[in-house]
Amino acid sequence: MKKLLTLSLIALSAGVAGLPAHADDKAVIDAMEGYFEFVDYGGATIFPEQIPGGDWKKFFVIDARDKGQFDKGHIPGALNIEWRQVLARRNEIPKDKPVLIYCNQGTLSAQAGLALRLAGYENVRILQGGMSEWQAKGGFEASAKANGAPKH
């Protein structure tokens, strides 16, 4: 399992084009195939407007950006765990409550979220569009804005 996670993280962090193929490593392929057969389409992602304002406190929120970006602004209450460190710091991440992970636009948090899900964290959701979409859609009020009364 440790080898699988290591290889998966290498693949995720380096990008597919920059990696040698691991086609002959059956354990890696079988684990990824099993994961993709299990996961629902879109099941690991959530849009800002899908989270009612009062429900944000139910999430353990992880900002997967680097410390400099986190210090410039983040979702209030978020813990800064850079995307490359999520497995190394997984003991800080609960398995008994929903976990929401985000970065700037969703790319790096998707990689970190996949790594956590492969490590057994079925409670992880990736904030679609990341911090930029969260801000653009109204932050904690995104759901209310999206579901508000029609304007005449």
Protein backbone atom coordinates (compact mmCIF):
# COMPACT_ATOMS: atom_id res chain seq x y z
CA MET A 1 0.00 0.00 0.00
CA LYS A 2 2.83 2.40 0.84
CA LYS A 3 4.40 1.77 -2.57
CA LEU A 4 1.05 2.41 -4.25
CA LEU A 5 0.59 5.73 -2.47
CA THR A 6 4.14 6.79 -3.21
CA LEU A 7 3.81 6.00 -6.91
CA SER A 8 0.38 7.61 -7.08
CA LEU A 9 1.65 10.80 -5.48
CA ILE A 10 4.65 10.91 -7.79
CA ALA A 11 2.32 10.57 -10.75
CA LEU A 12 -0.02 13.23 -9.44
CA SER A 13 2.60 15.78 -8.49
CA ALA A 14 4.80 15.49 -11.55
CA GLY A 15 2.07 15.36 -14.13
CA VAL A 16 1.36 12.52 -16.48
CA ALA A 17 3.54 13.72 -19.36
CA GLY A 18 6.68 13.96 -17.27
CA LEU A 19 6.58 10.44 -15.86
CA PRO A 20 7.71 7.05 -16.99
CA ALA A 21 4.80 4.69 -17.44
CA HIS A 22 4.20 2.14 -14.70
CA ALA A 23 2.21 -0.19 -16.94
CA ASP A 24 3.94 -3.26 -15.59
CA ASP A 25 3.21 -2.42 -11.94
CA LYS A 26 -0.03 -4.36 -11.59
CA ALA A 27 -0.62 -3.32 -7.96
CA VAL A 28 -0.66 0.37 -8.88
CA ILE A 29 -2.96 -0.17 -11.84
CA ASP A 30 -5.32 -2.44 -9.89
CA ALA A 31 -5.59 0.04 -7.02
CA MET A 32 -6.30 2.97 -9.33
CA GLU A 33 -8.80 0.92 -11.34
CA GLY A 34 -10.59 -0.09 -8.15
CA TYR A 35 -10.73 3.51 -7.01
CA PHE A 36 -12.13 4.78 -10.30
CA GLU A 37 -14.76 2.04 -10.36
CA PHE A 38 -15.80 2.97 -6.83
CA VAL A 39 -15.95 6.76 -6.96
CA ASP A 40 -19.12 8.48 -8.18
CA TYR A 41 -18.85 10.91 -11.07
CA GLY A 42 -18.31 14.26 -9.40
CA GLY A 43 -18.58 12.56 -6.02
CA ALA A 44 -15.40 14.09 -4.70
CA THR A 45 -16.15 17.66 -5.78
CA ILE A 46 -18.50 20.27 -4.44
CA PHE A 47 -19.33 23.76 -5.69
CA PRO A 48 -19.35 26.75 -3.30
CA GLU A 49 -23.06 27.29 -3.92
CA GLN A 50 -23.83 23.73 -2.77
CA ILE A 51 -22.81 24.58 0.80
CA PRO A 52 -25.40 26.62 2.71
CA GLY A 53 -23.82 29.40 4.76
CA GLY A 54 -24.61 27.71 8.07
CA ASP A 55 -23.10 24.40 6.98
CA TRP A 56 -19.54 25.66 6.56
CA LYS A 57 -18.85 25.11 10.25
CA LYS A 58 -19.54 21.38 9.76
CA PHE A 59 -16.50 21.06 7.48
CA PHE A 60 -12.86 20.64 8.38
CA VAL A 61 -11.44 23.02 5.77
CA ILE A 62 -7.93 22.63 4.35
CA ASP A 63 -6.21 25.33 2.31
CA ALA A 64 -3.77 23.36 0.15
CA ARG A 65 -1.88 26.42 -1.11
CA ASP A 66 1.55 27.47 0.10
CA LYS A 67 1.94 29.53 3.28
CA GLY A 68 2.53 32.78 1.40
CA GLN A 69 -0.78 32.49 -0.45
CA PHE A 70 -2.56 31.37 2.70
CA ASP A 71 -1.22 34.39 4.60
CA LYS A 72 -2.54 36.76 1.90
CA GLY A 73 -6.07 35.45 2.41
CA HIS A 74 -7.95 32.23 2.98
CA ILE A 75 -11.35 30.86 3.85
CA PRO A 76 -11.85 31.71 7.53
CA GLY A 77 -11.30 28.68 9.74
CA ALA A 78 -9.15 26.85 7.19
CA LEU A 79 -6.01 24.98 8.21
CA ASN A 80 -3.04 25.46 5.90
CA ILE A 81 -1.65 22.10 4.78
CA GLU A 82 0.21 22.49 1.50
CA TRP A 83 -1.05 19.96 -1.06
CA ARG A 84 2.25 18.05 -1.07
CA GLN A 85 2.02 17.54 2.69
CA VAL A 86 -1.50 16.11 3.07
CA LEU A 87 -0.34 12.53 3.49
CA ALA A 88 2.57 13.44 5.75
CA ARG A 89 0.16 15.43 7.95
CA ARG A 90 -2.86 13.12 7.63
CA ASN A 91 -2.93 12.59 11.39
CA GLU A 92 -4.26 16.18 11.61
CA ILE A 93 -7.16 15.40 9.25
CA PRO A 94 -10.30 13.86 10.75
CA LYS A 95 -12.05 10.87 9.24
CA ASP A 96 -15.23 11.43 11.24
CA LYS A 97 -16.41 14.72 9.72
CA PRO A 98 -16.56 16.16 6.20
CA VAL A 99 -13.26 17.52 4.93
CA LEU A 100 -13.17 20.25 2.29
CA ILE A 101 -9.89 20.95 0.52
CA TYR A 102 -9.16 23.82 -1.84
CA CYS A 103 -6.34 25.65 -3.61
CA ASN A 104 -6.48 28.61 -6.01
CA GLN A 105 -8.49 26.98 -8.78
CA GLY A 106 -8.90 23.33 -7.80
CA THR A 107 -6.05 21.61 -9.62
CA LEU A 108 -3.61 20.98 -6.76
CA SER A 109 -6.36 20.34 -4.23
CA ALA A 110 -7.79 17.72 -6.61
CA GLN A 111 -4.43 15.92 -6.53
CA ALA A 112 -4.26 16.14 -2.75
CA GLY A 113 -7.88 15.03 -2.47
CA LEU A 114 -7.25 12.01 -4.68
CA ALA A 115 -4.22 11.07 -2.56
CA LEU A 116 -6.29 11.31 0.63
CA ARG A 117 -9.13 9.29 -0.86
CA LEU A 118 -6.67 6.60 -1.95
CA ALA A 119 -5.36 6.64 1.62
CA GLY A 120 -8.85 5.84 2.92
CA TYR A 121 -10.33 9.29 3.49
CA GLU A 122 -13.77 8.84 1.96
CA ASN A 123 -14.94 12.06 3.64
CA VAL A 124 -12.85 14.41 1.46
CA ARG A 125 -14.45 16.83 -1.00
CA ILE A 126 -12.62 19.19 -3.35
CA LEU A 127 -13.95 22.73 -3.64
CA GLN A 128 -14.58 23.07 -7.37
CA GLY A 129 -12.90 26.19 -8.70
CA GLY A 130 -10.93 26.73 -5.51
CA MET A 131 -10.50 30.01 -3.68
CA SER A 132 -11.06 32.10 -6.80
CA GLU A 133 -14.49 30.61 -7.51
CA TRP A 134 -15.43 30.72 -3.82
CA GLN A 135 -14.69 34.45 -3.77
CA ALA A 136 -16.35 35.13 -7.13
CA LYS A 137 -19.54 33.37 -6.08
CA GLY A 138 -19.86 35.21 -2.76
CA GLY A 139 -17.86 33.20 -0.24
CA PHE A 140 -19.98 31.89 2.62
CA GLU A 141 -23.02 33.48 0.93
CA ALA A 142 -22.57 31.63 -2.40
CA SER A 143 -25.48 29.29 -1.68
CA ALA A 144 -27.83 32.11 -0.69
CA LYS A 145 -26.88 34.10 -3.79
CA ALA A 146 -27.35 31.11 -6.07
CA ASN A 147 -30.68 30.14 -4.49
CA GLY A 148 -31.98 33.63 -3.82
CA ALA A 149 -35.35 34.92 -4.85
CA PRO A 150 -35.63 35.80 -8.52
CA LYS A 151 -35.17 39.48 -9.30
CA HIS A 152 -37.97 41.25 -11.19
